[in-house]
Protein backbone atom coordinates (compact mmCIF):
# COMPACT_ATOMS: atom_id res chain seq x y z
CA UNK A 1 0.00 0.00 0.00
CA UNK A 2 2.84 2.40 0.62
CA UNK A 3 4.23 2.15 -2.91
CA UNK A 4 3.57 4.47 -5.84
CA UNK A 5 0.48 6.64 -5.51
CA UNK A 6 -0.34 5.11 -2.12
CA UNK A 7 3.03 6.30 -0.86
CA UNK A 8 2.17 9.83 -1.98
CA UNK A 9 -1.26 9.64 -0.29
CA UNK A 10 0.34 8.48 2.94
CA UNK A 11 3.03 11.17 2.87
CA UNK A 12 0.33 13.78 2.30
CA UNK A 13 -1.57 12.22 5.22
CA UNK A 14 1.49 12.62 7.45
CA UNK A 15 1.83 16.23 6.37
CA UNK A 16 -1.85 17.15 6.79
CA UNK A 17 -2.34 15.45 10.14
CA UNK A 18 0.97 16.84 11.40
CA UNK A 19 0.14 20.41 10.37
CA UNK A 20 -3.28 20.15 11.96
CA UNK A 21 -1.79 18.73 15.16
CA UNK A 22 0.62 21.67 15.25
CA UNK A 23 -2.15 24.25 14.93
CA UNK A 24 -4.19 22.54 17.64
CA UNK A 25 -1.13 22.16 19.87
CA UNK A 26 -0.44 25.89 19.63
CA UNK A 27 -3.98 26.60 20.80
CA UNK A 28 -3.75 24.13 23.67
CA UNK A 29 -0.37 25.27 24.92
CA UNK A 30 -0.42 29.06 24.63
CA UNK A 31 -3.14 30.69 22.52
CA UNK A 32 -6.03 29.78 24.82
CA UNK A 33 -3.96 30.67 27.91
CA UNK A 34 -3.27 34.08 26.40
CA UNK A 35 -6.92 34.63 25.54
CA UNK A 36 -8.02 33.46 29.01
CA UNK A 37 -5.70 36.03 30.59
CA UNK A 38 -7.56 38.86 28.87
CA UNK A 39 -10.60 40.53 30.40
CA UNK A 40 -13.64 38.48 29.31
CA UNK A 41 -14.95 41.04 26.81
CA UNK A 42 -11.59 41.15 25.05
CA UNK A 43 -11.15 37.37 25.22
CA UNK A 44 -14.59 36.74 23.70
CA UNK A 45 -14.02 39.31 20.97
CA UNK A 46 -10.57 37.91 20.16
CA UNK A 47 -11.78 34.31 20.09
CA UNK A 48 -14.67 35.26 17.81
CA UNK A 49 -12.17 36.93 15.47
CA UNK A 50 -9.96 33.83 15.53
CA UNK A 51 -12.92 31.53 14.85
CA UNK A 52 -14.01 33.70 11.93
CA UNK A 53 -10.49 33.71 10.48
CA UNK A 54 -10.17 29.93 10.89
CA UNK A 55 -12.94 29.14 8.41
CA UNK A 56 -11.08 30.73 5.52
CA UNK A 57 -9.16 28.80 2.85
CA UNK A 58 -5.64 28.74 4.34
CA UNK A 59 -6.67 26.60 7.32
CA UNK A 60 -9.73 24.92 5.82
CA UNK A 61 -7.73 23.51 2.89
CA UNK A 62 -5.43 21.77 5.36
CA UNK A 63 -8.13 20.73 7.85
CA UNK A 64 -10.86 19.61 5.43
CA UNK A 65 -8.39 18.44 2.78
CA UNK A 66 -6.81 16.14 5.34
CA UNK A 67 -10.24 14.79 6.30
CA UNK A 68 -10.97 13.99 2.64
CA UNK A 69 -7.52 12.46 2.28
CA UNK A 70 -8.00 10.33 5.41
CA UNK A 71 -11.30 9.07 4.01
CA UNK A 72 -9.67 8.26 0.67
CA UNK A 73 -6.83 6.42 2.41
CA UNK A 74 -9.35 4.40 4.44
CA UNK A 75 -11.45 3.48 1.40
CA UNK A 76 -8.42 2.53 -0.69
CA UNK A 77 -7.08 0.47 2.19
CA UNK A 78 -10.37 -1.42 2.51
CA UNK A 79 -10.56 -2.02 -1.25
CA UNK A 80 -6.93 -3.01 -1.82
CA UNK A 81 -6.20 -4.41 1.66
CA UNK A 82 -2.42 -4.36 1.43
CA UNK A 83 -0.31 -7.09 3.00
CA UNK A 84 1.48 -4.47 5.07
CA UNK A 85 0.40 -1.29 6.84
CA UNK A 86 -3.39 -1.77 6.58
CA UNK A 87 -3.86 -1.45 10.34
CA UNK A 88 -1.69 1.67 10.54
CA UNK A 89 -3.45 3.32 7.61
CA UNK A 90 -6.92 2.57 8.97
CA UNK A 91 -5.93 3.66 12.46
CA UNK A 92 -4.47 6.93 11.18
CA UNK A 93 -7.61 7.63 9.17
CA UNK A 94 -9.94 6.80 12.06
CA UNK A 95 -7.98 8.89 14.52
CA UNK A 96 -8.13 11.92 12.28
CA UNK A 97 -11.72 11.52 11.10
CA UNK A 98 -13.13 10.82 14.56
CA UNK A 99 -10.67 12.47 16.93
CA UNK A 100 -9.97 15.61 14.95
CA UNK A 101 -12.73 16.25 12.42
CA UNK A 102 -15.47 14.61 14.50
CA UNK A 103 -14.50 16.36 17.72
CA UNK A 104 -14.37 19.67 15.88
CA UNK A 105 -17.89 19.16 14.54
CA UNK A 106 -19.35 17.86 17.80
CA UNK A 107 -17.51 19.88 20.44
CA UNK A 108 -15.98 23.00 18.93
CA UNK A 109 -18.38 24.22 16.26
CA UNK A 110 -21.39 24.39 18.65
CA UNK A 111 -19.35 26.22 21.28
CA UNK A 112 -17.91 28.63 18.73
CA UNK A 113 -21.36 29.31 17.29
CA UNK A 114 -22.79 30.02 20.75
CA UNK A 115 -19.86 32.32 21.59
CA UNK A 116 -20.31 34.23 18.34
CA UNK A 117 -23.92 34.99 19.29
CA UNK A 118 -22.84 36.73 22.51
CA UNK A 119 -22.17 40.44 22.76
CA UNK A 120 -18.63 40.44 24.19
CA UNK A 121 -19.28 43.33 26.57
CA UNK A 122 -22.23 41.74 28.40
CA UNK A 123 -22.36 40.09 31.79
CA UNK A 124 -23.61 36.93 30.06
CA UNK A 125 -20.45 36.77 27.93
CA UNK A 126 -18.26 37.39 30.98
CA UNK A 127 -20.04 34.59 32.84
CA UNK A 128 -19.76 32.08 30.01
CA UNK A 129 -16.18 32.85 29.00
CA UNK A 130 -14.31 30.84 31.72
CA UNK A 131 -16.37 27.71 31.04
CA UNK A 132 -15.96 28.13 27.28
CA UNK A 133 -12.17 28.37 27.63
CA UNK A 134 -12.02 25.33 29.94
CA UNK A 135 -14.26 23.07 27.83
CA UNK A 136 -12.93 24.23 24.45
CA UNK A 137 -9.34 23.66 25.57
CA UNK A 138 -10.09 20.21 27.02
CA UNK A 139 -11.65 19.07 23.75
CA UNK A 140 -8.81 20.70 21.85
CA UNK A 141 -6.35 18.50 23.76
CA UNK A 142 -8.28 15.50 22.40
CA UNK A 143 -8.06 16.63 18.79
CA UNK A 144 -4.41 17.61 19.22
CA UNK A 145 -3.57 14.12 20.45
CA UNK A 146 -5.72 12.44 17.82
CA UNK A 147 -4.15 14.42 14.98
CA UNK A 148 -0.63 13.75 16.25
CA UNK A 149 -1.39 10.05 16.71
CA UNK A 150 -2.84 9.90 13.20
CA UNK A 151 0.40 11.37 11.87
CA UNK A 152 2.42 8.76 13.77
CA UNK A 153 0.21 5.97 12.43
CA UNK A 154 0.74 7.17 8.87
CA UNK A 155 4.51 7.41 9.47
CA UNK A 156 4.46 3.82 10.75
CA UNK A 157 2.63 2.79 7.57
CA UNK A 158 5.57 4.12 5.59
CA UNK A 159 8.14 2.21 7.67
């Protein structure tokens, strides 16, 4: 499976999952801490700006493109079922599709949408902000780990 075009797919999988893990890691390790240190109105406004910027092509090509690629790798693996690396390829795809893309859809998008509906300067926004930061960051740790593990699984498929 890791020869020819399958090799290229797997290398692209390593790259996409690794880049995504890096973005998520940055948020988990310092971006969210920095935003949490701001007064709530500023933190909410800044996070809303970040969330709006995130759904533009530079990040979405990597994030969604990697999800499509992971699905393609999984389908090709099921169809061809290579003698080597099938488990690693399927594991990498599942980790990314469920642990990164799925967690984003189930845990982050609803929180981001709710935050965007708040007026940053209100008492309601100030009251919700600490919980948002805590929950968003906890789920972000999950997708950081899943994306990094998916990258490792794809690397192991190449070995």
